[in-house]
Amino acid sequence: MKILIPPSEGKANIKKPMDIKFGDTNFEYIDDVKMVIRLLSLIGNNEIRSIYGTSQEKAEIFHRQNQDALNSRVCHAIDRYTGVVYDHIDWATLPEHARNYMDEHIRIFSGLFGLVTPKTLIPNYKLKMNVHSIQYFWKPRLTEILKKEDLVIDLLPQVHRKSYIKKDVNVVEVEFLILNKKLGKKVTAGHYGKAVKGEFIRFIALNKINTIDAFSGFSYEGFEWDGESFLKEVDE
């Protein structure tokens, strides 16, 4: 079983990274990363602002950073990613058995690296999966990897779900929803759902969950498993 989770848009700028360059690690998909870097090298300077969604100055910094990934020093992916989901996973307080479970079962989607585990060594970077057709580069590769799994639990946002072919994978997509009882309408939990997602990932790791039926043991701030999604009911 593999559990797919999103990266964070922001990345921690580690003050003291490991004294090893990414190109010298044993990353399984290093040849694919080299191909992505070559694709990035074809982007003209006048295009990069729209690619990175920032000012021209910042875009040029991010672009150089991505292109120099092989020569950049690294840290564990779980330390690189930041934000609400990762704050609620709270890796630093997880016992060793839960960390090992996560590294075996959790896969983080990445525009530059494809799939990484929490303990994968990665440099600082910024590249969304849905820019410059990167998801189409990764789609056949990620599909081939995931179709080998007996079960895939997808906790990804919709934009990342376009990076593999669902019909070729035994996948269960898990949503975090809010039911407005007054309107009788379900909506996505949005930003608040990120906290629930992080807590759910932590629950899975602590309890070494390996079946969907076991999801019913998790609840957080009113979110409960209804057999298809984690649902919170509100009056209005």
C-alpha atoms as a PDB file:
ATOM      1  CA  MET A   1       0.000   0.000   0.000  1.00  0.00           C
ATOM      2  CA  LYS A   2       1.147   3.507  -0.830  1.00  0.00           C
ATOM      3  CA  ILE A   3      -0.351   6.757   0.439  1.00  0.00           C
ATOM      4  CA  LEU A   4       0.019   9.786  -1.823  1.00  0.00           C
ATOM      5  CA  ILE A   5       0.345  13.202  -0.220  1.00  0.00           C
ATOM      6  CA  PRO A   6       1.082  16.646  -1.662  1.00  0.00           C
ATOM      7  CA  PRO A   7       4.273  18.639  -1.254  1.00  0.00           C
ATOM      8  CA  SER A   8       4.174  22.112   0.234  1.00  0.00           C
ATOM      9  CA  GLU A   9       4.440  25.142  -2.005  1.00  0.00           C
ATOM     10  CA  GLY A  10       6.836  26.747   0.450  1.00  0.00           C
ATOM     11  CA  LYS A  11      10.118  25.032   1.270  1.00  0.00           C
ATOM     12  CA  ALA A  12      12.324  25.393   4.335  1.00  0.00           C
ATOM     13  CA  ASN A  13      15.667  27.004   3.612  1.00  0.00           C
ATOM     14  CA  ILE A  14      17.821  24.722   5.761  1.00  0.00           C
ATOM     15  CA  LYS A  15      20.729  26.674   7.243  1.00  0.00           C
ATOM     16  CA  LYS A  16      22.968  23.639   7.598  1.00  0.00           C
ATOM     17  CA  PRO A  17      22.117  21.112   4.878  1.00  0.00           C
ATOM     18  CA  MET A  18      23.934  17.798   4.651  1.00  0.00           C
ATOM     19  CA  ASP A  19      27.364  17.848   3.090  1.00  0.00           C
ATOM     20  CA  ILE A  20      26.274  15.870   0.049  1.00  0.00           C
ATOM     21  CA  LYS A  21      25.027  17.052  -3.334  1.00  0.00           C
ATOM     22  CA  PHE A  22      21.776  15.752  -4.762  1.00  0.00           C
ATOM     23  CA  GLY A  23      23.555  14.428  -7.847  1.00  0.00           C
ATOM     24  CA  ASP A  24      25.690  12.232  -5.591  1.00  0.00           C
ATOM     25  CA  THR A  25      22.749  10.595  -3.820  1.00  0.00           C
ATOM     26  CA  ASN A  26      21.222   7.277  -4.856  1.00  0.00           C
ATOM     27  CA  PHE A  27      17.833   8.768  -5.758  1.00  0.00           C
ATOM     28  CA  GLU A  28      15.898   6.171  -7.720  1.00  0.00           C
ATOM     29  CA  TYR A  29      14.563   8.558 -10.363  1.00  0.00           C
ATOM     30  CA  ILE A  30      17.682  10.677 -10.851  1.00  0.00           C
ATOM     31  CA  ASP A  31      17.699  10.155 -14.640  1.00  0.00           C
ATOM     32  CA  ASP A  32      14.115  11.450 -14.836  1.00  0.00           C
ATOM     33  CA  VAL A  33      15.097  14.496 -12.784  1.00  0.00           C
ATOM     34  CA  LYS A  34      17.923  15.186 -15.232  1.00  0.00           C
ATOM     35  CA  MET A  35      15.397  15.123 -18.054  1.00  0.00           C
ATOM     36  CA  VAL A  36      13.147  17.602 -16.220  1.00  0.00           C
ATOM     37  CA  ILE A  37      16.136  19.891 -15.708  1.00  0.00           C
ATOM     38  CA  ARG A  38      16.900  19.694 -19.438  1.00  0.00           C
ATOM     39  CA  LEU A  39      13.277  20.605 -20.178  1.00  0.00           C
ATOM     40  CA  LEU A  40      13.580  23.598 -17.871  1.00  0.00           C
ATOM     41  CA  SER A  41      16.687  24.742 -19.725  1.00  0.00           C
ATOM     42  CA  LEU A  42      14.539  25.192 -22.847  1.00  0.00           C
ATOM     43  CA  ILE A  43      12.345  27.801 -21.148  1.00  0.00           C
ATOM     44  CA  GLY A  44      13.152  31.316 -22.282  1.00  0.00           C
ATOM     45  CA  ASN A  45      13.855  34.092 -19.797  1.00  0.00           C
ATOM     46  CA  ASN A  46      10.706  35.891 -20.930  1.00  0.00           C
ATOM     47  CA  GLU A  47       8.566  32.870 -19.949  1.00  0.00           C
ATOM     48  CA  ILE A  48       9.796  32.125 -16.461  1.00  0.00           C
ATOM     49  CA  ARG A  49       7.748  34.782 -14.683  1.00  0.00           C
ATOM     50  CA  SER A  50       4.517  33.041 -15.695  1.00  0.00           C
ATOM     51  CA  ILE A  51       6.030  29.614 -14.956  1.00  0.00           C
ATOM     52  CA  TYR A  52       6.869  30.452 -11.343  1.00  0.00           C
ATOM     53  CA  GLY A  53       4.082  32.951 -10.701  1.00  0.00           C
ATOM     54  CA  THR A  54       6.384  35.528  -9.089  1.00  0.00           C
ATOM     55  CA  SER A  55       8.281  38.665  -9.970  1.00  0.00           C
ATOM     56  CA  GLN A  56      10.907  38.361 -12.703  1.00  0.00           C
ATOM     57  CA  GLU A  57      13.693  38.635 -10.128  1.00  0.00           C
ATOM     58  CA  LYS A  58      12.366  35.821  -7.947  1.00  0.00           C
ATOM     59  CA  ALA A  59      11.508  33.718 -10.986  1.00  0.00           C
ATOM     60  CA  GLU A  60      15.108  33.903 -12.169  1.00  0.00           C
ATOM     61  CA  ILE A  61      16.322  32.813  -8.719  1.00  0.00           C
ATOM     62  CA  PHE A  62      13.933  29.841  -8.620  1.00  0.00           C
ATOM     63  CA  HIS A  63      14.837  28.894 -12.182  1.00  0.00           C
ATOM     64  CA  ARG A  64      18.573  28.865 -11.453  1.00  0.00           C
ATOM     65  CA  GLN A  65      17.925  26.942  -8.235  1.00  0.00           C
ATOM     66  CA  ASN A  66      16.011  24.220 -10.091  1.00  0.00           C
ATOM     67  CA  GLN A  67      18.591  23.981 -12.847  1.00  0.00           C
ATOM     68  CA  ASP A  68      21.372  23.645 -10.283  1.00  0.00           C
ATOM     69  CA  ALA A  69      19.549  20.960  -8.242  1.00  0.00           C
ATOM     70  CA  LEU A  70      22.130  18.251  -8.982  1.00  0.00           C
ATOM     71  CA  ASN A  71      24.895  20.400  -7.505  1.00  0.00           C
ATOM     72  CA  SER A  72      22.926  21.552  -4.459  1.00  0.00           C
ATOM     73  CA  ARG A  73      23.223  20.184  -0.929  1.00  0.00           C
ATOM     74  CA  VAL A  74      20.334  18.267   0.538  1.00  0.00           C
ATOM     75  CA  CYS A  75      18.197  17.494   3.577  1.00  0.00           C
ATOM     76  CA  HIS A  76      15.403  15.002   4.198  1.00  0.00           C
ATOM     77  CA  ALA A  77      12.218  15.821   2.284  1.00  0.00           C
ATOM     78  CA  ILE A  78      10.164  15.821   5.486  1.00  0.00           C
ATOM     79  CA  ASP A  79      12.352  18.653   6.790  1.00  0.00           C
ATOM     80  CA  ARG A  80      12.211  20.524   3.480  1.00  0.00           C
ATOM     81  CA  TYR A  81       8.415  20.676   3.243  1.00  0.00           C
ATOM     82  CA  THR A  82       6.534  23.135   5.425  1.00  0.00           C
ATOM     83  CA  GLY A  83       2.969  24.327   5.900  1.00  0.00           C
ATOM     84  CA  VAL A  84      -0.213  23.191   7.604  1.00  0.00           C
ATOM     85  CA  VAL A  85      -0.207  19.521   6.542  1.00  0.00           C
ATOM     86  CA  TYR A  86       3.391  19.032   7.658  1.00  0.00           C
ATOM     87  CA  ASP A  87       2.911  20.997  10.877  1.00  0.00           C
ATOM     88  CA  HIS A  88       0.140  18.581  11.847  1.00  0.00           C
ATOM     89  CA  ILE A  89       2.123  15.494  10.864  1.00  0.00           C
ATOM     90  CA  ASP A  90       4.683  16.825  13.372  1.00  0.00           C
ATOM     91  CA  TRP A  91       7.453  14.469  12.264  1.00  0.00           C
ATOM     92  CA  ALA A  92       9.790  15.519  15.094  1.00  0.00           C
ATOM     93  CA  THR A  93       7.477  13.989  17.714  1.00  0.00           C
ATOM     94  CA  LEU A  94       6.736  10.732  15.890  1.00  0.00           C
ATOM     95  CA  PRO A  95       8.277   7.562  17.351  1.00  0.00           C
ATOM     96  CA  GLU A  96      10.727   5.621  15.196  1.00  0.00           C
ATOM     97  CA  HIS A  97       8.198   2.957  14.185  1.00  0.00           C
ATOM     98  CA  ALA A  98       5.850   5.629  12.812  1.00  0.00           C
ATOM     99  CA  ARG A  99       8.675   7.315  10.902  1.00  0.00           C
ATOM    100  CA  ASN A 100       9.694   4.010   9.369  1.00  0.00           C
ATOM    101  CA  TYR A 101       6.073   3.311   8.414  1.00  0.00           C
ATOM    102  CA  MET A 102       5.838   6.691   6.691  1.00  0.00           C
ATOM    103  CA  ASP A 103       9.035   6.170   4.761  1.00  0.00           C
ATOM    104  CA  GLU A 104       7.813   2.793   3.563  1.00  0.00           C
ATOM    105  CA  HIS A 105       4.265   3.809   2.637  1.00  0.00           C
ATOM    106  CA  ILE A 106       4.095   7.582   2.133  1.00  0.00           C
ATOM    107  CA  ARG A 107       4.946   9.072  -1.261  1.00  0.00           C
ATOM    108  CA  ILE A 108       5.090  12.833  -1.779  1.00  0.00           C
ATOM    109  CA  PHE A 109       4.402  14.119  -5.306  1.00  0.00           C
ATOM    110  CA  SER A 110       6.929  16.607  -6.679  1.00  0.00           C
ATOM    111  CA  GLY A 111       7.192  18.494  -9.939  1.00  0.00           C
ATOM    112  CA  LEU A 112      10.975  18.172  -9.982  1.00  0.00           C
ATOM    113  CA  PHE A 113      11.481  14.765  -8.373  1.00  0.00           C
ATOM    114  CA  GLY A 114       8.331  12.815  -9.228  1.00  0.00           C
ATOM    115  CA  LEU A 115       7.911  10.783  -6.029  1.00  0.00           C
ATOM    116  CA  VAL A 116       9.878  11.131  -2.808  1.00  0.00           C
ATOM    117  CA  THR A 117       9.626   9.530   0.619  1.00  0.00           C
ATOM    118  CA  PRO A 118       9.927  11.530   3.851  1.00  0.00           C
ATOM    119  CA  LYS A 119      13.561  10.465   4.194  1.00  0.00           C
ATOM    120  CA  THR A 120      14.540  11.104   0.567  1.00  0.00           C
ATOM    121  CA  LEU A 121      17.405  13.595   0.350  1.00  0.00           C
ATOM    122  CA  ILE A 122      16.415  16.603  -1.769  1.00  0.00           C
ATOM    123  CA  PRO A 123      17.768  20.124  -2.348  1.00  0.00           C
ATOM    124  CA  ASN A 124      15.755  23.315  -2.130  1.00  0.00           C
ATOM    125  CA  TYR A 125      13.591  23.882  -5.213  1.00  0.00           C
ATOM    126  CA  LYS A 126      10.334  25.358  -6.461  1.00  0.00           C
ATOM    127  CA  LEU A 127       8.408  23.722  -9.281  1.00  0.00           C
ATOM    128  CA  LYS A 128       4.685  23.067  -9.324  1.00  0.00           C
ATOM    129  CA  MET A 129       3.504  19.829 -10.893  1.00  0.00           C
ATOM    130  CA  ASN A 130       1.062  21.605 -13.217  1.00  0.00           C
ATOM    131  CA  VAL A 131       3.437  24.089 -14.897  1.00  0.00           C
ATOM    132  CA  HIS A 132       4.975  23.744 -18.346  1.00  0.00           C
ATOM    133  CA  SER A 133       3.284  20.338 -18.848  1.00  0.00           C
ATOM    134  CA  ILE A 134       5.477  18.721 -16.175  1.00  0.00           C
ATOM    135  CA  GLN A 135       2.581  16.475 -15.110  1.00  0.00           C
ATOM    136  CA  TYR A 136       2.498  14.989 -18.614  1.00  0.00           C
ATOM    137  CA  PHE A 137       6.180  14.154 -18.366  1.00  0.00           C
ATOM    138  CA  TRP A 138       5.628  12.367 -15.057  1.00  0.00           C
ATOM    139  CA  LYS A 139       2.243  10.768 -15.861  1.00  0.00           C
ATOM    140  CA  PRO A 140       3.464   7.577 -17.600  1.00  0.00           C
ATOM    141  CA  ARG A 141       6.334   7.187 -15.133  1.00  0.00           C
ATOM    142  CA  LEU A 142       4.215   7.645 -12.009  1.00  0.00           C
ATOM    143  CA  THR A 143       1.444   5.449 -13.394  1.00  0.00           C
ATOM    144  CA  GLU A 144       3.915   2.637 -14.037  1.00  0.00           C
ATOM    145  CA  ILE A 145       5.193   2.915 -10.459  1.00  0.00           C
ATOM    146  CA  LEU A 146       1.756   3.060  -8.837  1.00  0.00           C
ATOM    147  CA  LYS A 147       0.129   0.280 -10.882  1.00  0.00           C
ATOM    148  CA  LYS A 148       2.468  -2.185  -9.142  1.00  0.00           C
ATOM    149  CA  GLU A 149       0.827  -1.450  -5.772  1.00  0.00           C
ATOM    150  CA  ASP A 150      -2.038  -3.566  -4.415  1.00  0.00           C
ATOM    151  CA  LEU A 151      -3.690  -0.391  -3.060  1.00  0.00           C
ATOM    152  CA  VAL A 152      -3.046   3.341  -3.419  1.00  0.00           C
ATOM    153  CA  ILE A 153      -4.642   5.861  -1.027  1.00  0.00           C
ATOM    154  CA  ASP A 154      -4.793   9.256  -2.720  1.00  0.00           C
ATOM    155  CA  LEU A 155      -4.776  12.297  -0.424  1.00  0.00           C
ATOM    156  CA  LEU A 156      -3.695  14.645  -3.220  1.00  0.00           C
ATOM    157  CA  PRO A 157      -5.311  17.870  -4.426  1.00  0.00           C
ATOM    158  CA  GLN A 158      -7.003  17.626  -7.824  1.00  0.00           C
ATOM    159  CA  VAL A 159      -4.089  19.249  -9.654  1.00  0.00           C
ATOM    160  CA  HIS A 160      -1.726  16.468  -8.558  1.00  0.00           C
ATOM    161  CA  ARG A 161      -4.237  13.721  -9.389  1.00  0.00           C
ATOM    162  CA  LYS A 162      -3.741  14.558 -13.060  1.00  0.00           C
ATOM    163  CA  SER A 163      -0.167  13.261 -12.809  1.00  0.00           C
ATOM    164  CA  TYR A 164      -1.081   9.590 -13.075  1.00  0.00           C
ATOM    165  CA  ILE A 165      -3.723   7.551 -14.898  1.00  0.00           C
ATOM    166  CA  LYS A 166      -6.344   6.583 -12.328  1.00  0.00           C
ATOM    167  CA  LYS A 167      -7.939   3.772 -14.343  1.00  0.00           C
ATOM    168  CA  ASP A 168      -4.608   1.916 -14.386  1.00  0.00           C
ATOM    169  CA  VAL A 169      -4.170   2.048 -10.598  1.00  0.00           C
ATOM    170  CA  ASN A 170      -6.134   0.438  -7.758  1.00  0.00           C
ATOM    171  CA  VAL A 171      -6.729   3.766  -6.048  1.00  0.00           C
ATOM    172  CA  VAL A 172      -9.065   5.114  -3.368  1.00  0.00           C
ATOM    173  CA  GLU A 173      -9.376   8.901  -3.385  1.00  0.00           C
ATOM    174  CA  VAL A 174      -9.987  10.311   0.080  1.00  0.00           C
ATOM    175  CA  GLU A 175     -11.780  13.650   0.413  1.00  0.00           C
ATOM    176  CA  PHE A 176     -12.226  15.942   3.402  1.00  0.00           C
ATOM    177  CA  LEU A 177     -15.682  17.503   3.198  1.00  0.00           C
ATOM    178  CA  ILE A 178     -18.055  19.708   5.153  1.00  0.00           C
ATOM    179  CA  LEU A 179     -21.802  19.054   5.014  1.00  0.00           C
ATOM    180  CA  ASN A 180     -23.992  22.103   5.482  1.00  0.00           C
ATOM    181  CA  LYS A 181     -27.091  20.459   6.944  1.00  0.00           C
ATOM    182  CA  LYS A 182     -29.218  23.558   6.376  1.00  0.00           C
ATOM    183  CA  LEU A 183     -28.449  23.606   2.659  1.00  0.00           C
ATOM    184  CA  GLY A 184     -27.966  19.852   2.325  1.00  0.00           C
ATOM    185  CA  LYS A 185     -24.751  20.501   0.424  1.00  0.00           C
ATOM    186  CA  LYS A 186     -21.233  19.078   0.708  1.00  0.00           C
ATOM    187  CA  VAL A 187     -18.193  21.273   0.007  1.00  0.00           C
ATOM    188  CA  THR A 188     -14.476  20.622   0.260  1.00  0.00           C
ATOM    189  CA  ALA A 189     -12.931  21.531   3.602  1.00  0.00           C
ATOM    190  CA  GLY A 190     -10.428  23.801   1.839  1.00  0.00           C
ATOM    191  CA  HIS A 191      -7.591  25.231   3.881  1.00  0.00           C
ATOM    192  CA  TYR A 192      -9.041  23.775   7.091  1.00  0.00           C
ATOM    193  CA  GLY A 193      -8.904  20.355   5.473  1.00  0.00           C
ATOM    194  CA  LYS A 194      -5.109  20.575   5.401  1.00  0.00           C
ATOM    195  CA  ALA A 195      -4.968  20.336   9.202  1.00  0.00           C
ATOM    196  CA  VAL A 196      -7.279  17.306   9.155  1.00  0.00           C
ATOM    197  CA  LYS A 197      -5.175  15.721   6.412  1.00  0.00           C
ATOM    198  CA  GLY A 198      -2.000  16.193   8.442  1.00  0.00           C
ATOM    199  CA  GLU A 199      -3.623  14.691  11.534  1.00  0.00           C
ATOM    200  CA  PHE A 200      -4.922  11.761   9.479  1.00  0.00           C
ATOM    201  CA  ILE A 201      -1.463  11.031   8.072  1.00  0.00           C
ATOM    202  CA  ARG A 202      -0.084  11.117  11.602  1.00  0.00           C
ATOM    203  CA  PHE A 203      -2.834   8.724  12.745  1.00  0.00           C
ATOM    204  CA  ILE A 204      -2.057   6.315   9.904  1.00  0.00           C
ATOM    205  CA  ALA A 205       1.642   6.314  10.794  1.00  0.00           C
ATOM    206  CA  LEU A 206       1.187   5.914  14.542  1.00  0.00           C
ATOM    207  CA  ASN A 207      -1.240   3.027  14.085  1.00  0.00           C
ATOM    208  CA  LYS A 208       0.408   1.410  11.036  1.00  0.00           C
ATOM    209  CA  ILE A 209      -2.904   1.421   9.203  1.00  0.00           C
ATOM    210  CA  ASN A 210      -3.100  -0.993   6.267  1.00  0.00           C
ATOM    211  CA  THR A 211      -6.843  -1.254   5.533  1.00  0.00           C
ATOM    212  CA  ILE A 212      -9.505   1.262   4.595  1.00  0.00           C
ATOM    213  CA  ASP A 213     -11.819  -0.150   7.281  1.00  0.00           C
ATOM    214  CA  ALA A 214      -9.368   1.126   9.900  1.00  0.00           C
ATOM    215  CA  PHE A 215     -10.010   4.722   8.773  1.00  0.00           C
ATOM    216  CA  SER A 216     -13.084   4.697  11.031  1.00  0.00           C
ATOM    217  CA  GLY A 217     -10.776   4.871  14.043  1.00  0.00           C
ATOM    218  CA  PHE A 218      -9.787   8.439  13.136  1.00  0.00           C
ATOM    219  CA  SER A 219     -11.691  11.575  14.054  1.00  0.00           C
ATOM    220  CA  TYR A 220     -10.571  15.181  14.379  1.00  0.00           C
ATOM    221  CA  GLU A 221     -12.504  18.367  15.077  1.00  0.00           C
ATOM    222  CA  GLY A 222     -15.778  16.742  14.043  1.00  0.00           C
ATOM    223  CA  PHE A 223     -14.479  14.995  10.913  1.00  0.00           C
ATOM    224  CA  GLU A 224     -15.529  11.325  10.795  1.00  0.00           C
ATOM    225  CA  TRP A 225     -15.094   8.596   8.179  1.00  0.00           C
ATOM    226  CA  ASP A 226     -18.422   7.816   6.456  1.00  0.00           C
ATOM    227  CA  GLY A 227     -17.099   4.990   4.296  1.00  0.00           C
ATOM    228  CA  GLU A 228     -16.205   7.272   1.384  1.00  0.00           C
ATOM    229  CA  SER A 229     -14.788  10.487   2.837  1.00  0.00           C
ATOM    230  CA  PHE A 230     -14.043  12.331   6.053  1.00  0.00           C
ATOM    231  CA  LEU A 231     -17.126  14.417   6.685  1.00  0.00           C
ATOM    232  CA  LYS A 232     -17.940  17.150   9.180  1.00  0.00           C
ATOM    233  CA  GLU A 233     -21.545  18.253   9.601  1.00  0.00           C
ATOM    234  CA  VAL A 234     -22.335  21.893  10.385  1.00  0.00           C
ATOM    235  CA  ASP A 235     -25.680  23.599  10.880  1.00  0.00           C
ATOM    236  CA  GLU A 236     -24.869  26.531   8.590  1.00  0.00           C
END
